[in-house]
Amino acid sequence: MTTVDEQGRPEPPLDGDEVTTLLGFLDFHRATLAWKCAGLDSAGLRATHPPSSMTLGGLLKHLAYVEDHWFSYVLRGRDRMAPFDAVDWRATPDWDWESAADDTPDQLVGLWEDAVKRSRAALAEADGDLSRRARRALRDGSTPSLRWILVHMVEEYCRHNGHADLIRESIDGSSGE
């Protein structure tokens, strides 16, 4: 049985196997991002915490891209999904961060939630094989394992949830973890 905390986040298991533990932490940190962005309007999702120009809307769009990149593009070897497939990433490497200001809260949350759903499908397809190699090689020619991708995703969310906590507190004083 999954324990859910007062913010609605599933607690990672204390005694799970490696797959269950990694997925537990990833889902916990995904839920933390959702909590930090919950209930905000467009102005809230565009708010910054100077001197940084980072926004919660930018975090949602960036993490939607990161989900798509690692699980669909790298692990499964699929083409990029819309809207990421239409971006010239070399010309606009911060497109995900910058273009979020043009999106509504529903668009941003929906984009992120859809990316998470696709990531979960990719993980189900991997059938718990943490040694499974990605279908697409990285720039240096290496192919990470699913284990590496999951640890990297936990790290990515942890790092950005720290940013989200500071930004959210600067918006309305909400704080915690």
C-alpha atoms as a PDB file:
ATOM      1  CA  MET A   1       0.000   0.000   0.000  1.00  0.00           C
ATOM      2  CA  THR A   2       1.308   3.454  -0.922  1.00  0.00           C
ATOM      3  CA  THR A   3       1.451   6.052   1.825  1.00  0.00           C
ATOM      4  CA  VAL A   4       0.577   9.576   0.729  1.00  0.00           C
ATOM      5  CA  ASP A   5       1.763  12.614   2.689  1.00  0.00           C
ATOM      6  CA  GLU A   6      -0.241  15.723   3.579  1.00  0.00           C
ATOM      7  CA  GLN A   7       0.643  17.334   0.215  1.00  0.00           C
ATOM      8  CA  GLY A   8      -0.624  14.310  -1.726  1.00  0.00           C
ATOM      9  CA  ARG A   9       2.817  12.955  -2.571  1.00  0.00           C
ATOM     10  CA  PRO A  10       3.401   9.191  -2.595  1.00  0.00           C
ATOM     11  CA  GLU A  11       6.099   8.291  -0.084  1.00  0.00           C
ATOM     12  CA  PRO A  12       8.950   6.223  -1.565  1.00  0.00           C
ATOM     13  CA  PRO A  13       9.004   2.703  -0.114  1.00  0.00           C
ATOM     14  CA  LEU A  14      11.344   2.061   2.789  1.00  0.00           C
ATOM     15  CA  ASP A  15      12.079  -1.518   1.768  1.00  0.00           C
ATOM     16  CA  GLY A  16      11.431  -1.758  -1.984  1.00  0.00           C
ATOM     17  CA  ASP A  17      13.675  -3.381  -4.541  1.00  0.00           C
ATOM     18  CA  GLU A  18      15.848  -1.172  -6.725  1.00  0.00           C
ATOM     19  CA  VAL A  19      13.202  -0.512  -9.401  1.00  0.00           C
ATOM     20  CA  THR A  20      10.454   0.205  -6.876  1.00  0.00           C
ATOM     21  CA  THR A  21      12.719   2.516  -4.881  1.00  0.00           C
ATOM     22  CA  LEU A  22      13.901   4.509  -7.906  1.00  0.00           C
ATOM     23  CA  LEU A  23      10.381   4.866  -9.275  1.00  0.00           C
ATOM     24  CA  GLY A  24       9.113   5.743  -5.796  1.00  0.00           C
ATOM     25  CA  PHE A  25      11.561   8.617  -5.490  1.00  0.00           C
ATOM     26  CA  LEU A  26      10.890   9.808  -9.040  1.00  0.00           C
ATOM     27  CA  ASP A  27       7.122   9.848  -8.437  1.00  0.00           C
ATOM     28  CA  PHE A  28       7.612  11.605  -5.087  1.00  0.00           C
ATOM     29  CA  HIS A  29       9.623  14.366  -6.758  1.00  0.00           C
ATOM     30  CA  ARG A  30       7.194  14.651  -9.655  1.00  0.00           C
ATOM     31  CA  ALA A  31       4.427  15.129  -7.086  1.00  0.00           C
ATOM     32  CA  THR A  32       6.559  17.733  -5.294  1.00  0.00           C
ATOM     33  CA  LEU A  33       6.771  19.789  -8.483  1.00  0.00           C
ATOM     34  CA  ALA A  34       3.001  19.495  -8.957  1.00  0.00           C
ATOM     35  CA  TRP A  35       2.480  20.653  -5.359  1.00  0.00           C
ATOM     36  CA  LYS A  36       4.760  23.667  -5.819  1.00  0.00           C
ATOM     37  CA  CYS A  37       2.880  24.729  -8.974  1.00  0.00           C
ATOM     38  CA  ALA A  38      -0.641  23.963  -7.749  1.00  0.00           C
ATOM     39  CA  GLY A  39      -3.240  26.704  -7.751  1.00  0.00           C
ATOM     40  CA  LEU A  40      -1.149  29.345  -9.500  1.00  0.00           C
ATOM     41  CA  ASP A  41      -2.464  31.540 -12.267  1.00  0.00           C
ATOM     42  CA  SER A  42      -0.454  32.776 -15.245  1.00  0.00           C
ATOM     43  CA  ALA A  43       1.137  35.572 -13.197  1.00  0.00           C
ATOM     44  CA  GLY A  44       2.216  33.100 -10.528  1.00  0.00           C
ATOM     45  CA  LEU A  45       3.749  30.732 -13.081  1.00  0.00           C
ATOM     46  CA  ARG A  46       5.633  33.684 -14.636  1.00  0.00           C
ATOM     47  CA  ALA A  47       6.941  35.070 -11.321  1.00  0.00           C
ATOM     48  CA  THR A  48      10.687  35.048 -10.730  1.00  0.00           C
ATOM     49  CA  HIS A  49      12.859  35.103  -7.647  1.00  0.00           C
ATOM     50  CA  PRO A  50      15.599  37.604  -8.556  1.00  0.00           C
ATOM     51  CA  PRO A  51      18.315  37.567  -9.577  1.00  0.00           C
ATOM     52  CA  SER A  52      17.223  34.388 -11.364  1.00  0.00           C
ATOM     53  CA  SER A  53      14.853  34.599 -14.336  1.00  0.00           C
ATOM     54  CA  MET A  54      13.620  31.048 -13.674  1.00  0.00           C
ATOM     55  CA  THR A  55       9.841  30.603 -13.335  1.00  0.00           C
ATOM     56  CA  LEU A  56       7.601  27.763 -12.209  1.00  0.00           C
ATOM     57  CA  GLY A  57       6.029  27.746 -15.676  1.00  0.00           C
ATOM     58  CA  GLY A  58       9.512  27.416 -17.155  1.00  0.00           C
ATOM     59  CA  LEU A  59      10.217  24.529 -14.780  1.00  0.00           C
ATOM     60  CA  LEU A  60       7.059  22.723 -15.886  1.00  0.00           C
ATOM     61  CA  LYS A  61       7.919  23.127 -19.564  1.00  0.00           C
ATOM     62  CA  HIS A  62      11.571  22.265 -19.042  1.00  0.00           C
ATOM     63  CA  LEU A  63      10.754  19.112 -17.080  1.00  0.00           C
ATOM     64  CA  ALA A  64       8.175  18.111 -19.708  1.00  0.00           C
ATOM     65  CA  TYR A  65      11.003  18.366 -22.240  1.00  0.00           C
ATOM     66  CA  VAL A  66      13.407  16.454 -19.986  1.00  0.00           C
ATOM     67  CA  GLU A  67      10.843  13.661 -19.495  1.00  0.00           C
ATOM     68  CA  ASP A  68      10.321  13.451 -23.253  1.00  0.00           C
ATOM     69  CA  HIS A  69      14.045  13.620 -23.982  1.00  0.00           C
ATOM     70  CA  TRP A  70      15.197  10.856 -21.648  1.00  0.00           C
ATOM     71  CA  PHE A  71      12.326   8.402 -21.789  1.00  0.00           C
ATOM     72  CA  SER A  72      10.895   8.786 -25.312  1.00  0.00           C
ATOM     73  CA  TYR A  73      13.801  10.151 -27.348  1.00  0.00           C
ATOM     74  CA  VAL A  74      16.821   8.502 -25.711  1.00  0.00           C
ATOM     75  CA  LEU A  75      15.486   5.337 -24.042  1.00  0.00           C
ATOM     76  CA  ARG A  76      12.895   4.356 -26.649  1.00  0.00           C
ATOM     77  CA  GLY A  77      14.611   5.958 -29.653  1.00  0.00           C
ATOM     78  CA  ARG A  78      11.451   7.757 -30.756  1.00  0.00           C
ATOM     79  CA  ASP A  79      11.157  11.101 -32.492  1.00  0.00           C
ATOM     80  CA  ARG A  80      10.614  14.135 -30.302  1.00  0.00           C
ATOM     81  CA  MET A  81       6.996  14.864 -29.413  1.00  0.00           C
ATOM     82  CA  ALA A  82       5.216  18.130 -30.094  1.00  0.00           C
ATOM     83  CA  PRO A  83       5.995  20.889 -29.302  1.00  0.00           C
ATOM     84  CA  PHE A  84       9.626  19.860 -28.813  1.00  0.00           C
ATOM     85  CA  ASP A  85       9.931  18.476 -32.348  1.00  0.00           C
ATOM     86  CA  ALA A  86       9.531  21.936 -33.916  1.00  0.00           C
ATOM     87  CA  VAL A  87      12.288  23.663 -31.927  1.00  0.00           C
ATOM     88  CA  ASP A  88      15.692  24.567 -33.328  1.00  0.00           C
ATOM     89  CA  TRP A  89      17.515  23.693 -30.101  1.00  0.00           C
ATOM     90  CA  ARG A  90      20.895  24.918 -31.364  1.00  0.00           C
ATOM     91  CA  ALA A  91      19.501  28.371 -32.154  1.00  0.00           C
ATOM     92  CA  THR A  92      17.262  28.554 -29.059  1.00  0.00           C
ATOM     93  CA  PRO A  93      18.733  26.293 -26.347  1.00  0.00           C
ATOM     94  CA  ASP A  94      16.548  27.901 -23.651  1.00  0.00           C
ATOM     95  CA  TRP A  95      13.322  27.691 -25.657  1.00  0.00           C
ATOM     96  CA  ASP A  96      11.559  25.580 -23.021  1.00  0.00           C
ATOM     97  CA  TRP A  97      12.308  28.113 -20.285  1.00  0.00           C
ATOM     98  CA  GLU A  98      11.605  31.231 -22.328  1.00  0.00           C
ATOM     99  CA  SER A  99       8.506  30.145 -24.254  1.00  0.00           C
ATOM    100  CA  ALA A 100       6.628  29.105 -21.100  1.00  0.00           C
ATOM    101  CA  ALA A 101       5.572  32.737 -20.552  1.00  0.00           C
ATOM    102  CA  ASP A 102       3.393  32.430 -23.677  1.00  0.00           C
ATOM    103  CA  ASP A 103       1.481  29.396 -22.341  1.00  0.00           C
ATOM    104  CA  THR A 104      -1.509  29.200 -20.026  1.00  0.00           C
ATOM    105  CA  PRO A 105      -1.342  27.292 -16.745  1.00  0.00           C
ATOM    106  CA  ASP A 106      -3.528  24.547 -18.260  1.00  0.00           C
ATOM    107  CA  GLN A 107      -1.216  24.224 -21.267  1.00  0.00           C
ATOM    108  CA  LEU A 108       1.887  24.003 -19.083  1.00  0.00           C
ATOM    109  CA  VAL A 109       0.457  21.504 -16.620  1.00  0.00           C
ATOM    110  CA  GLY A 110      -1.056  19.457 -19.456  1.00  0.00           C
ATOM    111  CA  LEU A 111       2.209  19.362 -21.370  1.00  0.00           C
ATOM    112  CA  TRP A 112       4.078  18.178 -18.286  1.00  0.00           C
ATOM    113  CA  GLU A 113       1.413  15.632 -17.281  1.00  0.00           C
ATOM    114  CA  ASP A 114       1.317  14.192 -20.820  1.00  0.00           C
ATOM    115  CA  ALA A 115       5.104  13.874 -20.847  1.00  0.00           C
ATOM    116  CA  VAL A 116       5.007  12.055 -17.499  1.00  0.00           C
ATOM    117  CA  LYS A 117       2.347   9.649 -18.867  1.00  0.00           C
ATOM    118  CA  ARG A 118       4.550   8.857 -21.877  1.00  0.00           C
ATOM    119  CA  SER A 119       7.510   8.340 -19.557  1.00  0.00           C
ATOM    120  CA  ARG A 120       5.525   5.892 -17.444  1.00  0.00           C
ATOM    121  CA  ALA A 121       4.588   3.983 -20.609  1.00  0.00           C
ATOM    122  CA  ALA A 122       8.263   3.818 -21.603  1.00  0.00           C
ATOM    123  CA  LEU A 123       9.133   2.508 -18.154  1.00  0.00           C
ATOM    124  CA  ALA A 124       6.408  -0.137 -18.343  1.00  0.00           C
ATOM    125  CA  GLU A 125       7.791  -1.226 -21.719  1.00  0.00           C
ATOM    126  CA  ALA A 126      11.230  -1.671 -20.129  1.00  0.00           C
ATOM    127  CA  ASP A 127       9.637  -4.227 -17.781  1.00  0.00           C
ATOM    128  CA  GLY A 128      11.896  -3.444 -14.824  1.00  0.00           C
ATOM    129  CA  ASP A 129      15.145  -4.180 -16.655  1.00  0.00           C
ATOM    130  CA  LEU A 130      17.431  -1.509 -15.197  1.00  0.00           C
ATOM    131  CA  SER A 131      20.313  -2.737 -17.330  1.00  0.00           C
ATOM    132  CA  ARG A 132      18.361  -2.079 -20.528  1.00  0.00           C
ATOM    133  CA  ARG A 133      20.385   0.218 -22.752  1.00  0.00           C
ATOM    134  CA  ALA A 134      18.911   3.259 -24.423  1.00  0.00           C
ATOM    135  CA  ARG A 135      18.078   2.871 -28.108  1.00  0.00           C
ATOM    136  CA  ARG A 136      19.581   6.252 -28.953  1.00  0.00           C
ATOM    137  CA  ALA A 137      23.206   7.056 -28.209  1.00  0.00           C
ATOM    138  CA  LEU A 138      24.286  10.282 -26.550  1.00  0.00           C
ATOM    139  CA  ARG A 139      26.501  12.827 -28.323  1.00  0.00           C
ATOM    140  CA  ASP A 140      29.628  11.009 -27.166  1.00  0.00           C
ATOM    141  CA  GLY A 141      28.342   7.696 -28.570  1.00  0.00           C
ATOM    142  CA  SER A 142      27.580   6.120 -25.189  1.00  0.00           C
ATOM    143  CA  THR A 143      24.215   4.574 -24.380  1.00  0.00           C
ATOM    144  CA  PRO A 144      23.050   4.949 -20.795  1.00  0.00           C
ATOM    145  CA  SER A 145      21.188   2.222 -18.963  1.00  0.00           C
ATOM    146  CA  LEU A 146      17.665   2.667 -17.673  1.00  0.00           C
ATOM    147  CA  ARG A 147      19.196   2.684 -14.166  1.00  0.00           C
ATOM    148  CA  TRP A 148      21.346   5.696 -15.104  1.00  0.00           C
ATOM    149  CA  ILE A 149      18.381   7.488 -16.685  1.00  0.00           C
ATOM    150  CA  LEU A 150      16.218   6.972 -13.581  1.00  0.00           C
ATOM    151  CA  VAL A 151      18.918   8.207 -11.217  1.00  0.00           C
ATOM    152  CA  HIS A 152      19.503  11.195 -13.490  1.00  0.00           C
ATOM    153  CA  MET A 153      15.777  11.997 -13.521  1.00  0.00           C
ATOM    154  CA  VAL A 154      15.582  11.857  -9.724  1.00  0.00           C
ATOM    155  CA  GLU A 155      18.567  14.227  -9.618  1.00  0.00           C
ATOM    156  CA  GLU A 156      16.946  16.541 -12.183  1.00  0.00           C
ATOM    157  CA  TYR A 157      13.730  16.807 -10.189  1.00  0.00           C
ATOM    158  CA  CYS A 158      15.546  17.204  -6.850  1.00  0.00           C
ATOM    159  CA  ARG A 159      17.607  20.072  -8.193  1.00  0.00           C
ATOM    160  CA  HIS A 160      14.648  21.860  -9.733  1.00  0.00           C
ATOM    161  CA  ASN A 161      12.344  21.244  -6.784  1.00  0.00           C
ATOM    162  CA  GLY A 162      14.778  23.273  -4.701  1.00  0.00           C
ATOM    163  CA  HIS A 163      14.326  26.093  -7.206  1.00  0.00           C
ATOM    164  CA  ALA A 164      10.550  25.587  -7.148  1.00  0.00           C
ATOM    165  CA  ASP A 165      10.460  25.850  -3.374  1.00  0.00           C
ATOM    166  CA  LEU A 166      12.250  29.209  -3.391  1.00  0.00           C
ATOM    167  CA  ILE A 167      10.161  30.600  -6.237  1.00  0.00           C
ATOM    168  CA  ARG A 168       6.860  29.499  -4.675  1.00  0.00           C
ATOM    169  CA  GLU A 169       7.793  30.955  -1.304  1.00  0.00           C
ATOM    170  CA  SER A 170       8.597  34.282  -2.982  1.00  0.00           C
ATOM    171  CA  ILE A 171       5.166  34.291  -4.637  1.00  0.00           C
ATOM    172  CA  ASP A 172       2.844  33.657  -1.709  1.00  0.00           C
ATOM    173  CA  GLY A 173       4.883  32.548   1.278  1.00  0.00           C
ATOM    174  CA  SER A 174       4.078  28.852   0.779  1.00  0.00           C
ATOM    175  CA  SER A 175       6.985  26.776   1.945  1.00  0.00           C
ATOM    176  CA  GLY A 176       7.906  23.281   2.959  1.00  0.00           C
ATOM    177  CA  GLU A 177      10.424  20.692   1.910  1.00  0.00           C
END
